Amino acid sequence: MASYEELKQELVEISKIVDKFPEAVKPKVYDLLVEQFLGVAPSSNENTEEQAKTPATKKKKSTPKKKAASTEAKPKRSSGKESYSLDRHLDLRGDGSIPSFKEFYEEKNPKGAKQTNAVAVYYLKKMKGMSEVTLDHVYTCYSEVKKKPPQAFRQSFTDTKNKEGWIEFEANGNLDIPHRGVVYVEHDLPAKSEK
């Protein structure tokens, strides 16, 4: 039997995998993965459904399930089939104290995804004072200025963090702007040759 600590760690991993599935099947996927980890036979409902799909013995069936879950997860990470939505409650029009995002974007004139990511996160965190900034918020910023987001949208934030250090990108998807990013947006944009 797995120890408490092993179970806690595995549940975190399982939750990451489960999040990649449609809402309708998440409970079944969760149960299957937990049962698989604990070495428990699948419940009768799911067992009947699985037998109808694949006539195989119990031992053979458990191995493909693990592979299917891991194979299913890998292409979704690298395939570029990402889905983000507009935050319809996010007001980017500005007010008397701050410019609209469109005005700020045009003033900073970012080139490429990394600069645009830094400008958007800066605007949302420093100018709007948002405590939590997500990929959907930045996706909404891209839409506001009619800029096509990168195909590998999430990866562009990882690149902005790792290659430039202009943003912080946590595993849960929350974004922040460190001092290096603040200095870059405030002092280095727009690029000197464009002033």
N, C-alpha and C. Protein backbone atom coordinates (compact mmCIF):
# COMPACT_ATOMS: atom_id res chain seq x y z
N MET A 1 0.85 -1.19 0.00
CA MET A 1 0.00 0.00 0.00
C MET A 1 0.89 1.24 0.00
N ALA A 2 0.50 2.25 -0.72
CA ALA A 2 1.28 3.48 -0.81
C ALA A 2 1.23 4.25 0.51
N SER A 3 2.34 4.92 0.81
CA SER A 3 2.37 5.74 2.02
C SER A 3 1.56 7.02 1.78
N TYR A 4 1.27 7.70 2.87
CA TYR A 4 0.52 8.96 2.79
C TYR A 4 1.24 9.96 1.89
N GLU A 5 2.56 10.09 2.07
CA GLU A 5 3.33 11.06 1.27
C GLU A 5 3.33 10.69 -0.21
N GLU A 6 3.47 9.38 -0.50
CA GLU A 6 3.43 8.94 -1.90
C GLU A 6 2.08 9.25 -2.52
N LEU A 7 1.03 9.01 -1.76
CA LEU A 7 -0.32 9.27 -2.26
C LEU A 7 -0.51 10.76 -2.53
N LYS A 8 -0.04 11.60 -1.62
CA LYS A 8 -0.16 13.06 -1.82
C LYS A 8 0.55 13.48 -3.10
N GLN A 9 1.76 13.00 -3.30
CA GLN A 9 2.52 13.36 -4.50
C GLN A 9 1.82 12.86 -5.76
N GLU A 10 1.33 11.63 -5.71
CA GLU A 10 0.67 11.06 -6.88
C GLU A 10 -0.62 11.81 -7.22
N LEU A 11 -1.35 12.23 -6.18
CA LEU A 11 -2.60 12.97 -6.42
C LEU A 11 -2.34 14.28 -7.14
N VAL A 12 -1.22 14.93 -6.83
CA VAL A 12 -0.85 16.16 -7.54
C VAL A 12 -0.60 15.86 -9.01
N GLU A 13 0.14 14.78 -9.28
CA GLU A 13 0.40 14.39 -10.67
C GLU A 13 -0.88 14.01 -11.39
N ILE A 14 -1.73 13.26 -10.70
CA ILE A 14 -3.00 12.83 -11.29
C ILE A 14 -3.86 14.05 -11.64
N SER A 15 -3.88 15.03 -10.76
CA SER A 15 -4.71 16.22 -11.02
C SER A 15 -4.24 16.96 -12.26
N LYS A 16 -2.93 16.96 -12.51
CA LYS A 16 -2.40 17.60 -13.73
C LYS A 16 -2.89 16.88 -14.98
N ILE A 17 -2.90 15.56 -14.91
CA ILE A 17 -3.35 14.77 -16.05
C ILE A 17 -4.85 14.94 -16.25
N VAL A 18 -5.60 14.89 -15.16
CA VAL A 18 -7.06 14.99 -15.23
C VAL A 18 -7.49 16.31 -15.83
N ASP A 19 -6.77 17.39 -15.54
CA ASP A 19 -7.13 18.72 -16.06
C ASP A 19 -7.10 18.77 -17.58
N LYS A 20 -6.42 17.87 -18.22
CA LYS A 20 -6.30 17.90 -19.67
C LYS A 20 -7.50 17.24 -20.37
N PHE A 21 -8.40 16.64 -19.59
CA PHE A 21 -9.55 15.94 -20.16
C PHE A 21 -10.80 16.81 -20.09
N PRO A 22 -11.78 16.52 -20.94
CA PRO A 22 -13.06 17.25 -20.89
C PRO A 22 -13.75 17.04 -19.54
N GLU A 23 -14.52 18.02 -19.11
CA GLU A 23 -15.20 18.00 -17.82
C GLU A 23 -16.02 16.72 -17.63
N ALA A 24 -16.66 16.27 -18.68
CA ALA A 24 -17.56 15.13 -18.57
C ALA A 24 -16.85 13.85 -18.15
N VAL A 25 -15.58 13.68 -18.51
CA VAL A 25 -14.88 12.44 -18.18
C VAL A 25 -13.87 12.59 -17.05
N LYS A 26 -13.69 13.79 -16.54
CA LYS A 26 -12.69 14.00 -15.47
C LYS A 26 -12.89 13.09 -14.27
N PRO A 27 -14.13 12.92 -13.75
CA PRO A 27 -14.28 12.02 -12.59
C PRO A 27 -13.86 10.59 -12.89
N LYS A 28 -14.19 10.08 -14.08
CA LYS A 28 -13.82 8.72 -14.44
C LYS A 28 -12.31 8.58 -14.57
N VAL A 29 -11.69 9.56 -15.22
CA VAL A 29 -10.23 9.54 -15.39
C VAL A 29 -9.56 9.56 -14.02
N TYR A 30 -10.04 10.43 -13.14
CA TYR A 30 -9.47 10.53 -11.79
C TYR A 30 -9.57 9.19 -11.07
N ASP A 31 -10.78 8.60 -11.07
CA ASP A 31 -10.97 7.31 -10.39
C ASP A 31 -10.07 6.23 -10.97
N LEU A 32 -9.98 6.17 -12.29
CA LEU A 32 -9.13 5.15 -12.92
C LEU A 32 -7.67 5.31 -12.52
N LEU A 33 -7.18 6.54 -12.55
CA LEU A 33 -5.78 6.76 -12.22
C LEU A 33 -5.48 6.48 -10.75
N VAL A 34 -6.38 6.88 -9.87
CA VAL A 34 -6.17 6.62 -8.44
C VAL A 34 -6.21 5.11 -8.19
N GLU A 35 -7.21 4.44 -8.78
CA GLU A 35 -7.31 2.99 -8.60
C GLU A 35 -6.07 2.30 -9.16
N GLN A 36 -5.58 2.75 -10.28
CA GLN A 36 -4.40 2.17 -10.89
C GLN A 36 -3.19 2.34 -9.98
N PHE A 37 -3.03 3.53 -9.39
CA PHE A 37 -1.92 3.80 -8.49
C PHE A 37 -2.00 2.93 -7.25
N LEU A 38 -3.20 2.76 -6.70
CA LEU A 38 -3.37 1.98 -5.48
C LEU A 38 -3.40 0.48 -5.74
N GLY A 39 -3.48 0.09 -7.01
CA GLY A 39 -3.53 -1.33 -7.34
C GLY A 39 -4.88 -1.95 -7.09
N VAL A 40 -5.93 -1.13 -7.13
CA VAL A 40 -7.30 -1.60 -6.89
C VAL A 40 -7.94 -1.88 -8.24
N ALA A 41 -8.73 -2.91 -8.30
CA ALA A 41 -9.45 -3.21 -9.55
C ALA A 41 -10.45 -2.12 -9.83
N PRO A 42 -10.61 -1.72 -11.10
CA PRO A 42 -11.58 -0.68 -11.44
C PRO A 42 -12.99 -1.06 -10.98
N SER A 43 -13.79 -0.05 -10.65
CA SER A 43 -15.15 -0.31 -10.19
C SER A 43 -15.96 -0.97 -11.30
N SER A 44 -17.05 -1.63 -10.95
CA SER A 44 -17.80 -2.47 -11.89
C SER A 44 -18.31 -1.69 -13.10
N ASN A 45 -18.77 -0.46 -12.91
CA ASN A 45 -19.25 0.36 -14.03
C ASN A 45 -18.18 0.53 -15.09
N GLU A 46 -17.04 1.03 -14.66
CA GLU A 46 -15.97 1.32 -15.61
C GLU A 46 -15.38 0.03 -16.17
N ASN A 47 -15.32 -1.02 -15.34
CA ASN A 47 -14.78 -2.28 -15.78
C ASN A 47 -15.62 -2.83 -16.93
N THR A 48 -16.94 -2.75 -16.82
CA THR A 48 -17.83 -3.23 -17.86
C THR A 48 -17.62 -2.42 -19.14
N GLU A 49 -17.51 -1.10 -19.01
CA GLU A 49 -17.29 -0.25 -20.19
C GLU A 49 -15.95 -0.59 -20.84
N GLU A 50 -14.90 -0.77 -20.04
CA GLU A 50 -13.60 -1.07 -20.59
C GLU A 50 -13.59 -2.44 -21.28
N GLN A 51 -14.29 -3.44 -20.68
CA GLN A 51 -14.33 -4.76 -21.29
C GLN A 51 -15.05 -4.72 -22.62
N ALA A 52 -16.06 -3.88 -22.72
CA ALA A 52 -16.79 -3.76 -23.98
C ALA A 52 -15.89 -3.18 -25.07
N LYS A 53 -15.01 -2.27 -24.67
CA LYS A 53 -14.11 -1.63 -25.64
C LYS A 53 -12.94 -2.54 -26.00
N THR A 54 -12.33 -3.17 -24.98
CA THR A 54 -11.12 -3.96 -25.20
C THR A 54 -11.25 -5.30 -24.50
N PRO A 55 -11.44 -6.38 -25.23
CA PRO A 55 -11.48 -7.67 -24.57
C PRO A 55 -10.06 -8.10 -24.23
N ALA A 56 -9.64 -7.86 -22.99
CA ALA A 56 -8.29 -8.21 -22.57
C ALA A 56 -8.34 -8.65 -21.12
N THR A 57 -7.28 -9.30 -20.68
CA THR A 57 -7.23 -9.72 -19.29
C THR A 57 -6.95 -8.53 -18.41
N LYS A 58 -7.16 -8.71 -17.12
CA LYS A 58 -7.00 -7.61 -16.17
C LYS A 58 -5.58 -7.06 -16.19
N LYS A 59 -4.58 -7.93 -16.21
CA LYS A 59 -3.19 -7.48 -16.18
C LYS A 59 -2.84 -6.72 -17.45
N LYS A 60 -3.22 -7.26 -18.59
CA LYS A 60 -2.92 -6.59 -19.85
C LYS A 60 -3.64 -5.26 -19.97
N LYS A 61 -4.86 -5.20 -19.43
CA LYS A 61 -5.65 -3.97 -19.52
C LYS A 61 -5.02 -2.85 -18.69
N SER A 62 -4.44 -3.16 -17.54
CA SER A 62 -3.91 -2.11 -16.68
C SER A 62 -2.69 -1.44 -17.29
N THR A 63 -1.84 -2.17 -17.98
CA THR A 63 -0.66 -1.58 -18.57
C THR A 63 -1.02 -0.60 -19.69
N PRO A 64 -1.90 -0.97 -20.65
CA PRO A 64 -2.26 -0.01 -21.69
C PRO A 64 -2.92 1.24 -21.13
N LYS A 65 -3.68 1.11 -20.02
CA LYS A 65 -4.32 2.29 -19.45
C LYS A 65 -3.28 3.32 -19.03
N LYS A 66 -2.23 2.84 -18.39
CA LYS A 66 -1.17 3.77 -17.97
C LYS A 66 -0.55 4.43 -19.18
N LYS A 67 -0.25 3.62 -20.21
CA LYS A 67 0.34 4.18 -21.41
C LYS A 67 -0.61 5.14 -22.09
N ALA A 68 -1.89 4.79 -22.13
CA ALA A 68 -2.87 5.66 -22.78
C ALA A 68 -2.94 7.00 -22.07
N ALA A 69 -2.92 6.99 -20.76
CA ALA A 69 -2.99 8.26 -20.02
C ALA A 69 -1.75 9.10 -20.28
N SER A 70 -0.57 8.46 -20.25
CA SER A 70 0.65 9.25 -20.46
C SER A 70 0.77 9.66 -21.92
N THR A 71 0.35 8.81 -22.85
CA THR A 71 0.41 9.18 -24.26
C THR A 71 -0.57 10.30 -24.55
N GLU A 72 -1.72 10.23 -23.91
CA GLU A 72 -2.74 11.26 -24.10
C GLU A 72 -2.22 12.61 -23.62
N ALA A 73 -1.50 12.61 -22.51
CA ALA A 73 -1.05 13.87 -21.93
C ALA A 73 0.07 14.50 -22.75
N LYS A 74 0.99 13.69 -23.25
CA LYS A 74 2.15 14.25 -23.95
C LYS A 74 1.79 15.05 -25.20
N PRO A 75 0.99 14.53 -26.12
CA PRO A 75 0.68 15.33 -27.30
C PRO A 75 -0.03 16.63 -26.97
N LYS A 76 -0.85 16.64 -25.93
CA LYS A 76 -1.56 17.86 -25.60
C LYS A 76 -0.59 18.95 -25.14
N ARG A 77 0.49 18.56 -24.51
CA ARG A 77 1.46 19.56 -24.06
C ARG A 77 2.20 20.18 -25.24
N SER A 78 2.52 19.37 -26.25
CA SER A 78 3.38 19.86 -27.30
C SER A 78 2.66 20.09 -28.63
N SER A 79 1.40 19.76 -28.72
CA SER A 79 0.72 19.82 -30.00
C SER A 79 0.31 21.22 -30.42
N GLY A 80 0.27 22.16 -29.49
CA GLY A 80 -0.15 23.50 -29.83
C GLY A 80 -1.66 23.65 -29.83
N LYS A 81 -2.39 22.60 -29.48
CA LYS A 81 -3.85 22.69 -29.42
C LYS A 81 -4.24 23.25 -28.07
N GLU A 82 -3.99 24.52 -27.89
CA GLU A 82 -4.29 25.18 -26.63
C GLU A 82 -5.59 25.96 -26.79
N SER A 83 -6.26 26.16 -25.69
CA SER A 83 -7.51 26.89 -25.74
C SER A 83 -7.56 27.90 -24.61
N TYR A 84 -7.69 29.14 -24.96
CA TYR A 84 -7.80 30.22 -23.98
C TYR A 84 -9.04 31.02 -24.35
N SER A 85 -9.56 31.73 -23.37
CA SER A 85 -10.79 32.47 -23.64
C SER A 85 -10.65 33.92 -23.20
N LEU A 86 -11.46 34.75 -23.82
CA LEU A 86 -11.49 36.16 -23.46
C LEU A 86 -12.11 36.31 -22.08
N ASP A 87 -11.52 37.15 -21.26
CA ASP A 87 -12.10 37.47 -19.96
C ASP A 87 -13.02 38.67 -20.20
N ARG A 88 -14.29 38.42 -20.25
CA ARG A 88 -15.26 39.46 -20.60
C ARG A 88 -15.45 40.48 -19.49
N HIS A 89 -14.89 40.21 -18.32
CA HIS A 89 -15.00 41.15 -17.21
C HIS A 89 -13.76 42.02 -17.07
N LEU A 90 -12.75 41.76 -17.88
CA LEU A 90 -11.50 42.52 -17.80
C LEU A 90 -11.65 43.82 -18.59
N ASP A 91 -11.57 44.93 -17.88
CA ASP A 91 -11.71 46.25 -18.49
C ASP A 91 -10.33 46.78 -18.85
N LEU A 92 -10.06 46.89 -20.15
CA LEU A 92 -8.77 47.37 -20.63
C LEU A 92 -8.86 48.76 -21.23
N ARG A 93 -9.98 49.47 -20.95
CA ARG A 93 -10.17 50.80 -21.54
C ARG A 93 -9.44 51.91 -20.82
N GLY A 94 -8.94 51.63 -19.62
CA GLY A 94 -8.26 52.66 -18.86
C GLY A 94 -9.25 53.64 -18.25
N ASP A 95 -8.72 54.62 -17.57
CA ASP A 95 -9.54 55.68 -17.00
C ASP A 95 -8.67 56.94 -16.89
N GLY A 96 -9.06 57.89 -16.13
CA GLY A 96 -8.28 59.12 -16.01
C GLY A 96 -6.88 58.90 -15.45
N SER A 97 -6.70 57.85 -14.64
CA SER A 97 -5.40 57.64 -13.99
C SER A 97 -4.45 56.77 -14.80
N ILE A 98 -4.98 55.88 -15.63
CA ILE A 98 -4.11 55.04 -16.46
C ILE A 98 -4.64 55.02 -17.89
N PRO A 99 -3.72 54.84 -18.85
CA PRO A 99 -4.17 54.76 -20.25
C PRO A 99 -4.84 53.42 -20.52
N SER A 100 -5.51 53.31 -21.64
CA SER A 100 -6.07 52.03 -22.05
C SER A 100 -4.90 51.10 -22.40
N PHE A 101 -5.17 49.81 -22.42
CA PHE A 101 -4.10 48.88 -22.80
C PHE A 101 -3.64 49.17 -24.22
N LYS A 102 -4.58 49.49 -25.10
CA LYS A 102 -4.22 49.77 -26.50
C LYS A 102 -3.26 50.96 -26.59
N GLU A 103 -3.53 52.02 -25.83
CA GLU A 103 -2.64 53.19 -25.83
C GLU A 103 -1.27 52.82 -25.28
N PHE A 104 -1.25 52.06 -24.18
CA PHE A 104 0.01 51.65 -23.57
C PHE A 104 0.80 50.75 -24.52
N TYR A 105 0.11 49.83 -25.17
CA TYR A 105 0.73 48.92 -26.13
C TYR A 105 1.37 49.72 -27.29
N GLU A 106 0.62 50.69 -27.81
CA GLU A 106 1.15 51.49 -28.91
C GLU A 106 2.33 52.34 -28.47
N GLU A 107 2.31 52.83 -27.24
CA GLU A 107 3.42 53.62 -26.71
C GLU A 107 4.68 52.76 -26.58
N LYS A 108 4.54 51.54 -26.06
CA LYS A 108 5.69 50.66 -25.84
C LYS A 108 6.12 49.94 -27.11
N ASN A 109 5.22 49.79 -28.07
CA ASN A 109 5.49 49.21 -29.38
C ASN A 109 6.32 47.92 -29.30
N PRO A 110 5.80 46.91 -28.61
CA PRO A 110 6.55 45.66 -28.48
C PRO A 110 6.65 44.93 -29.81
N LYS A 111 7.76 44.25 -29.99
CA LYS A 111 8.00 43.43 -31.18
C LYS A 111 8.07 41.98 -30.73
N GLY A 112 7.23 41.15 -31.24
CA GLY A 112 7.27 39.74 -30.92
C GLY A 112 6.52 39.38 -29.65
N ALA A 113 6.35 38.09 -29.46
CA ALA A 113 5.55 37.58 -28.34
C ALA A 113 6.16 37.86 -26.98
N LYS A 114 7.48 37.72 -26.85
CA LYS A 114 8.10 37.90 -25.53
C LYS A 114 7.91 39.34 -25.04
N GLN A 115 8.13 40.31 -25.91
CA GLN A 115 7.93 41.70 -25.51
C GLN A 115 6.46 41.98 -25.23
N THR A 116 5.58 41.45 -26.05
CA THR A 116 4.14 41.65 -25.84
C THR A 116 3.71 41.03 -24.52
N ASN A 117 4.21 39.85 -24.21
CA ASN A 117 3.89 39.20 -22.93
C ASN A 117 4.32 40.08 -21.76
N ALA A 118 5.54 40.62 -21.83
CA ALA A 118 6.04 41.47 -20.75
C ALA A 118 5.20 42.73 -20.62
N VAL A 119 4.84 43.34 -21.73
CA VAL A 119 4.03 44.57 -21.71
C VAL A 119 2.65 44.29 -21.11
N ALA A 120 2.04 43.19 -21.51
CA ALA A 120 0.70 42.86 -21.01
C ALA A 120 0.73 42.57 -19.51
N VAL A 121 1.69 41.77 -19.06
CA VAL A 121 1.76 41.43 -17.64
C VAL A 121 2.07 42.69 -16.83
N TYR A 122 2.97 43.53 -17.34
CA TYR A 122 3.29 44.79 -16.65
C TYR A 122 2.02 45.65 -16.49
N TYR A 123 1.29 45.80 -17.59
CA TYR A 123 0.08 46.64 -17.56
C TYR A 123 -0.92 46.11 -16.53
N LEU A 124 -1.15 44.80 -16.56
CA LEU A 124 -2.16 44.22 -15.67
C LEU A 124 -1.73 44.26 -14.21
N LYS A 125 -0.44 43.99 -13.94
CA LYS A 125 0.03 43.95 -12.55
C LYS A 125 0.33 45.35 -12.00
N LYS A 126 1.08 46.13 -12.75
CA LYS A 126 1.57 47.41 -12.22
C LYS A 126 0.61 48.57 -12.45
N MET A 127 -0.06 48.59 -13.57
CA MET A 127 -0.93 49.73 -13.87
C MET A 127 -2.36 49.48 -13.38
N LYS A 128 -2.87 48.28 -13.63
CA LYS A 128 -4.23 47.97 -13.17
C LYS A 128 -4.24 47.45 -11.73
N GLY A 129 -3.09 47.03 -11.23
CA GLY A 129 -2.99 46.56 -9.85
C GLY A 129 -3.69 45.24 -9.59
N MET A 130 -3.75 44.38 -10.60
CA MET A 130 -4.41 43.08 -10.42
C MET A 130 -3.52 42.17 -9.57
N SER A 131 -4.12 41.49 -8.62
CA SER A 131 -3.35 40.60 -7.75
C SER A 131 -3.05 39.28 -8.44
N GLU A 132 -3.95 38.84 -9.30
CA GLU A 132 -3.75 37.58 -10.02
C GLU A 132 -3.92 37.81 -11.51
N VAL A 133 -2.90 37.44 -12.27
CA VAL A 133 -2.93 37.57 -13.73
C VAL A 133 -2.77 36.18 -14.31
N THR A 134 -3.67 35.81 -15.23
CA THR A 134 -3.66 34.48 -15.83
C THR A 134 -3.42 34.58 -17.34
N LEU A 135 -3.24 33.43 -17.97
CA LEU A 135 -3.07 33.39 -19.42
C LEU A 135 -4.31 33.93 -20.13
N ASP A 136 -5.50 33.70 -19.58
CA ASP A 136 -6.72 34.24 -20.20
C ASP A 136 -6.70 35.77 -20.19
N HIS A 137 -6.17 36.37 -19.12
CA HIS A 137 -6.08 37.83 -19.06
C HIS A 137 -5.17 38.36 -20.17
N VAL A 138 -4.02 37.73 -20.34
CA VAL A 138 -3.09 38.19 -21.38
C VAL A 138 -3.65 37.88 -22.76
N TYR A 139 -4.33 36.76 -22.90
CA TYR A 139 -4.98 36.44 -24.17
C TYR A 139 -5.99 37.55 -24.53
N THR A 140 -6.68 38.06 -23.53
CA THR A 140 -7.62 39.16 -23.73
C THR A 140 -6.89 40.42 -24.18
N CYS A 141 -5.70 40.65 -23.64
CA CYS A 141 -4.88 41.80 -24.06
C CYS A 141 -4.49 41.68 -25.53
N TYR A 142 -4.07 40.47 -25.95
CA TYR A 142 -3.74 40.25 -27.36
C TYR A 142 -4.95 40.61 -28.23
N SER A 143 -6.11 40.16 -27.82
CA SER A 143 -7.33 40.42 -28.59
C SER A 143 -7.64 41.92 -28.65
N GLU A 144 -7.40 42.60 -27.55
CA GLU A 144 -7.71 44.04 -27.46
C GLU A 144 -6.94 44.84 -28.52
N VAL A 145 -5.70 44.43 -28.79
CA VAL A 145 -4.88 45.16 -29.76
C VAL A 145 -4.85 44.45 -31.12
N LYS A 146 -5.72 43.45 -31.26
CA LYS A 146 -5.85 42.70 -32.52
C LYS A 146 -4.53 42.09 -32.97
N LYS A 147 -3.78 41.57 -32.00
CA LYS A 147 -2.51 40.89 -32.30
C LYS A 147 -2.75 39.39 -32.18
N LYS A 148 -2.33 38.65 -33.17
CA LYS A 148 -2.51 37.19 -33.16
C LYS A 148 -1.57 36.59 -32.11
N PRO A 149 -2.13 35.83 -31.16
CA PRO A 149 -1.28 35.20 -30.15
C PRO A 149 -0.42 34.11 -30.77
N PRO A 150 0.72 33.81 -30.17
CA PRO A 150 1.55 32.72 -30.70
C PRO A 150 0.78 31.40 -30.66
N GLN A 151 1.09 30.52 -31.59
CA GLN A 151 0.39 29.22 -31.63
C GLN A 151 0.66 28.44 -30.35
N ALA A 152 1.90 28.46 -29.87
CA ALA A 152 2.24 27.82 -28.60
C ALA A 152 2.20 28.91 -27.53
N PHE A 153 1.01 29.35 -27.21
CA PHE A 153 0.80 30.50 -26.33
C PHE A 153 1.46 30.30 -24.97
N ARG A 154 1.15 29.20 -24.31
CA ARG A 154 1.71 28.93 -22.98
C ARG A 154 3.24 28.87 -23.03
N GLN A 155 3.77 28.21 -24.05
CA GLN A 155 5.22 28.08 -24.18
C GLN A 155 5.88 29.45 -24.35
N SER A 156 5.19 30.39 -24.97
CA SER A 156 5.78 31.73 -25.15
C SER A 156 6.04 32.40 -23.80
N PHE A 157 5.23 32.08 -22.79
CA PHE A 157 5.44 32.65 -21.45
C PHE A 157 6.62 31.97 -20.76
N THR A 158 6.75 30.67 -20.97
CA THR A 158 7.90 29.95 -20.43
C THR A 158 9.18 30.51 -21.05
N ASP A 159 9.16 30.77 -22.36
CA ASP A 159 10.33 31.34 -23.04
C ASP A 159 10.63 32.75 -22.53
N THR A 160 9.59 33.55 -22.33
CA THR A 160 9.78 34.91 -21.83
C THR A 160 10.42 34.87 -20.45
N LYS A 161 10.01 33.92 -19.65
CA LYS A 161 10.57 33.77 -18.30
C LYS A 161 12.01 33.26 -18.36
N ASN A 162 12.22 32.15 -19.06
CA ASN A 162 13.52 31.48 -19.04
C ASN A 162 14.59 32.17 -19.88
N LYS A 163 14.22 32.72 -21.00
CA LYS A 163 15.22 33.31 -21.90
C LYS A 163 15.48 34.78 -21.62
N GLU A 164 14.47 35.50 -21.12
CA GLU A 164 14.63 36.93 -20.91
C GLU A 164 14.55 37.34 -19.43
N GLY A 165 13.79 36.59 -18.64
CA GLY A 165 13.62 36.93 -17.22
C GLY A 165 12.68 38.11 -17.01
N TRP A 166 11.83 38.40 -17.98
CA TRP A 166 10.94 39.57 -17.89
C TRP A 166 9.66 39.29 -17.12
N ILE A 167 9.30 38.01 -17.01
CA ILE A 167 8.09 37.66 -16.27
C ILE A 167 8.37 36.47 -15.37
N GLU A 168 7.47 36.25 -14.43
CA GLU A 168 7.46 35.02 -13.63
C GLU A 168 6.24 34.24 -14.07
N PHE A 169 6.40 32.95 -14.26
CA PHE A 169 5.32 32.10 -14.73
C PHE A 169 5.27 30.87 -13.86
N GLU A 170 4.30 30.83 -12.97
CA GLU A 170 4.18 29.72 -12.02
C GLU A 170 3.54 28.52 -12.68
N ALA A 171 3.75 27.35 -12.10
CA ALA A 171 3.21 26.11 -12.66
C ALA A 171 1.69 26.13 -12.77
N ASN A 172 1.02 26.85 -11.85
CA ASN A 172 -0.44 26.91 -11.88
C ASN A 172 -0.97 27.90 -12.92
N GLY A 173 -0.07 28.57 -13.63
CA GLY A 173 -0.49 29.47 -14.70
C GLY A 173 -0.55 30.94 -14.31
N ASN A 174 -0.30 31.27 -13.05
CA ASN A 174 -0.31 32.68 -12.64
C ASN A 174 0.95 33.38 -13.11
N LEU A 175 0.77 34.63 -13.50
CA LEU A 175 1.88 35.42 -14.04
C LEU A 175 2.20 36.59 -13.13
N ASP A 176 3.46 36.98 -13.11
CA ASP A 176 3.90 38.14 -12.35
C ASP A 176 5.03 38.79 -13.12
N ILE A 177 5.40 39.99 -12.72
CA ILE A 177 6.51 40.68 -13.38
C ILE A 177 7.55 41.02 -12.34
N PRO A 178 8.76 40.47 -12.49
CA PRO A 178 9.83 40.76 -11.53
C PRO A 178 10.47 42.12 -11.84
N HIS A 179 11.39 42.52 -11.00
CA HIS A 179 12.06 43.82 -11.17
C HIS A 179 12.70 43.94 -12.56
N ARG A 180 13.33 42.88 -13.04
CA ARG A 180 13.98 42.91 -14.36
C ARG A 180 12.96 43.25 -15.46
N GLY A 181 11.77 42.69 -15.37
CA GLY A 181 10.73 42.96 -16.36
C GLY A 181 10.20 44.37 -16.25
N VAL A 182 10.05 44.87 -15.02
CA VAL A 182 9.58 46.24 -14.80
C VAL A 182 10.57 47.22 -15.43
N VAL A 183 11.85 47.03 -15.17
CA VAL A 183 12.88 47.92 -15.73
C VAL A 183 12.86 47.84 -17.25
N TYR A 184 12.74 46.64 -17.79
CA TYR A 184 12.73 46.49 -19.24
C TYR A 184 11.56 47.25 -19.87
N VAL A 185 10.36 47.06 -19.35
CA VAL A 185 9.18 47.71 -19.94
C VAL A 185 9.26 49.22 -19.75
N GLU A 186 9.67 49.67 -18.56
CA GLU A 186 9.69 51.11 -18.29
C GLU A 186 10.81 51.84 -19.03
N HIS A 187 11.98 51.22 -19.18
CA HIS A 187 13.14 51.94 -19.71
C HIS A 187 13.63 51.50 -21.09
N ASP A 188 13.35 50.27 -21.49
CA ASP A 188 13.89 49.78 -22.75
C ASP A 188 12.87 49.70 -23.88
N LEU A 189 11.61 49.95 -23.57
CA LEU A 189 10.58 49.96 -24.61
C LEU A 189 9.98 51.36 -24.73
N PRO A 190 9.74 51.83 -25.93
CA PRO A 190 10.08 51.18 -27.19
C PRO A 190 11.59 51.13 -27.39
N ALA A 191 12.05 50.25 -28.28
CA ALA A 191 13.46 50.12 -28.55
C ALA A 191 14.02 51.46 -28.99
N LYS A 192 15.24 51.73 -28.60
CA LYS A 192 15.86 53.05 -28.84
C LYS A 192 15.84 53.47 -30.30
N SER A 193 16.04 52.55 -31.22
CA SER A 193 16.08 52.90 -32.65
C SER A 193 14.72 53.36 -33.16
N GLU A 194 13.66 53.08 -32.38
CA GLU A 194 12.32 53.43 -32.85
C GLU A 194 11.81 54.73 -32.25
N LYS A 195 12.55 55.35 -31.33
CA LYS A 195 12.08 56.58 -30.69
C LYS A 195 12.19 57.77 -31.62
